[in-house]
Amino acid sequence: MASNVVARRCAMFFFALSVCAAGARHITEANAAGAFAVGKCGAYGQAYDYGAEHEARAAAQKQCRGECTTVTMKHACAAMSVDMANPCGAYGYAVKPKISASLNAATRECYKYGGKECVIRAWACDAKG
């Protein structure tokens, strides 16, 4: 009899746990829009976990000073690399599913456009990146 009660309590606990996990996943996916704005001289803006892409774009653009290009990231990460030898010169950015891939791609882009000492200036991931 006692083991039956324990089994029922365990079953109820795991049922409640699975309902909470499913609810948390829904909330995370609903807030998975992000944006990354990049510009010259190391200017950047970032926004992540917004409910809609247009909101994330506006927030990232507002943080970036000067003429900035804005890209969106949904279930991804974005990174920006600048040339430390000339911060107002070459820069690169990338959006990839994993942070390591976005960091590497942004650095490669900086070198591709003439950077001599490219380093990561900023990065951000949305809820799933």
Protein backbone atom coordinates (compact mmCIF):
# COMPACT_ATOMS: atom_id res chain seq x y z
CA MET A 1 0.00 0.00 0.00
CA ALA A 2 2.77 2.48 0.94
CA SER A 3 4.72 1.70 -2.23
CA ASN A 4 1.58 2.40 -4.28
CA VAL A 5 1.28 5.87 -2.72
CA VAL A 6 4.97 6.57 -3.38
CA ALA A 7 4.60 5.44 -7.00
CA ARG A 8 1.59 7.74 -7.49
CA ARG A 9 3.47 10.70 -5.97
CA CYS A 10 6.47 10.02 -8.22
CA ALA A 11 4.21 9.81 -11.26
CA MET A 12 2.50 13.10 -10.35
CA PHE A 13 5.87 14.77 -9.76
CA PHE A 14 7.22 13.73 -13.17
CA PHE A 15 3.96 14.74 -14.87
CA ALA A 16 4.15 18.20 -13.28
CA LEU A 17 7.83 18.46 -14.20
CA SER A 18 7.11 17.64 -17.85
CA VAL A 19 4.29 20.21 -17.99
CA CYS A 20 6.64 22.88 -16.58
CA ALA A 21 9.37 21.95 -19.06
CA ALA A 22 6.96 22.15 -21.99
CA GLY A 23 5.72 25.54 -20.80
CA ALA A 24 9.25 26.88 -20.41
CA ARG A 25 10.13 25.75 -23.93
CA HIS A 26 7.09 27.57 -25.33
CA ILE A 27 8.01 30.78 -23.50
CA THR A 28 11.64 30.61 -24.68
CA GLU A 29 10.67 30.03 -28.30
CA ALA A 30 8.17 32.88 -28.21
CA ASN A 31 10.99 35.26 -27.21
CA ALA A 32 13.62 34.12 -29.67
CA ALA A 33 13.98 37.08 -32.03
CA GLY A 34 17.24 38.97 -31.99
CA ALA A 35 19.15 41.53 -34.02
CA PHE A 36 22.71 42.78 -34.30
CA ALA A 37 23.65 46.17 -35.74
CA VAL A 38 27.22 46.88 -36.89
CA GLY A 39 28.95 49.98 -38.17
CA LYS A 40 32.32 51.64 -38.66
CA CYS A 41 34.77 52.41 -35.85
CA GLY A 42 33.50 49.53 -33.71
CA ALA A 43 29.93 50.80 -33.48
CA TYR A 44 27.41 48.10 -32.62
CA GLY A 45 24.07 47.42 -31.03
CA GLN A 46 22.52 44.18 -29.92
CA ALA A 47 19.10 42.94 -28.95
CA TYR A 48 18.05 39.41 -28.14
CA ASP A 49 15.07 37.43 -26.86
CA TYR A 50 12.51 39.90 -28.23
CA GLY A 51 9.00 38.80 -29.14
CA ALA A 52 9.24 40.07 -32.73
CA GLU A 53 12.06 40.70 -35.20
CA HIS A 54 11.05 44.31 -35.89
CA GLU A 55 11.30 45.10 -32.15
CA ALA A 56 14.76 43.54 -31.95
CA ARG A 57 15.93 45.42 -35.08
CA ALA A 58 14.76 48.75 -33.66
CA ALA A 59 16.45 48.13 -30.31
CA ALA A 60 19.77 47.10 -31.89
CA GLN A 61 19.72 50.01 -34.35
CA LYS A 62 19.03 52.48 -31.52
CA GLN A 63 22.22 51.38 -29.70
CA CYS A 64 24.46 51.61 -32.78
CA ARG A 65 26.00 55.01 -33.56
CA GLY A 66 26.41 56.19 -37.16
CA GLU A 67 25.48 54.27 -40.30
CA CYS A 68 24.83 50.71 -39.20
CA THR A 69 23.80 47.53 -40.94
CA THR A 70 21.28 45.47 -38.99
CA VAL A 71 20.93 41.71 -39.32
CA THR A 72 18.47 39.47 -37.52
CA MET A 73 19.24 36.31 -35.62
CA LYS A 74 16.62 33.74 -34.78
CA HIS A 75 17.85 30.63 -33.01
CA ALA A 76 21.40 31.86 -33.76
CA CYS A 77 24.36 33.95 -32.62
CA ALA A 78 25.96 37.04 -34.16
CA ALA A 79 29.47 38.42 -33.75
CA MET A 80 31.46 41.46 -34.87
CA SER A 81 35.22 41.67 -35.31
CA VAL A 82 37.25 44.89 -35.76
CA ASP A 83 40.84 45.60 -36.73
CA MET A 84 42.66 46.78 -33.60
CA ALA A 85 45.43 48.27 -35.78
CA ASN A 86 42.81 50.58 -37.31
CA PRO A 87 39.44 50.42 -35.47
CA CYS A 88 37.79 52.66 -38.08
CA GLY A 89 39.04 50.43 -40.90
CA ALA A 90 38.18 46.83 -41.65
CA TYR A 91 35.51 44.95 -39.74
CA GLY A 92 33.47 41.82 -40.21
CA TYR A 93 30.31 40.28 -38.84
CA ALA A 94 28.49 36.97 -39.10
CA VAL A 95 25.32 35.23 -37.99
CA LYS A 96 25.58 31.47 -37.44
CA PRO A 97 23.69 28.79 -35.46
CA LYS A 98 26.51 28.38 -32.91
CA ILE A 99 28.58 31.03 -31.12
CA SER A 100 31.91 29.47 -32.07
CA ALA A 101 31.02 29.52 -35.77
CA SER A 102 29.88 33.16 -35.63
CA LEU A 103 33.07 34.26 -33.82
CA ASN A 104 35.28 32.49 -36.37
CA ALA A 105 33.33 33.76 -39.38
CA ALA A 106 33.31 37.37 -38.14
CA THR A 107 37.07 37.28 -37.63
CA ARG A 108 37.61 35.80 -41.12
CA GLU A 109 35.43 38.55 -42.62
CA CYS A 110 37.51 41.23 -40.91
CA TYR A 111 40.73 39.79 -42.36
CA LYS A 112 39.05 39.37 -45.74
CA TYR A 113 38.41 43.13 -45.89
CA GLY A 114 41.99 44.07 -45.03
CA GLY A 115 42.19 43.80 -41.25
CA LYS A 116 45.66 43.25 -39.77
CA GLU A 117 44.86 42.50 -36.09
CA CYS A 118 41.20 41.46 -36.02
CA VAL A 119 39.58 40.81 -32.63
CA ILE A 120 35.99 40.22 -31.51
CA ARG A 121 34.34 43.48 -30.47
CA ALA A 122 30.89 42.14 -29.57
CA TRP A 123 28.67 39.09 -29.77
CA ALA A 124 25.14 38.05 -28.81
CA CYS A 125 22.90 35.00 -29.01
CA ASP A 126 19.14 34.75 -28.87
CA ALA A 127 17.41 32.26 -26.57
CA LYS A 128 18.27 29.26 -28.70
CA GLY A 129 21.70 30.28 -30.01
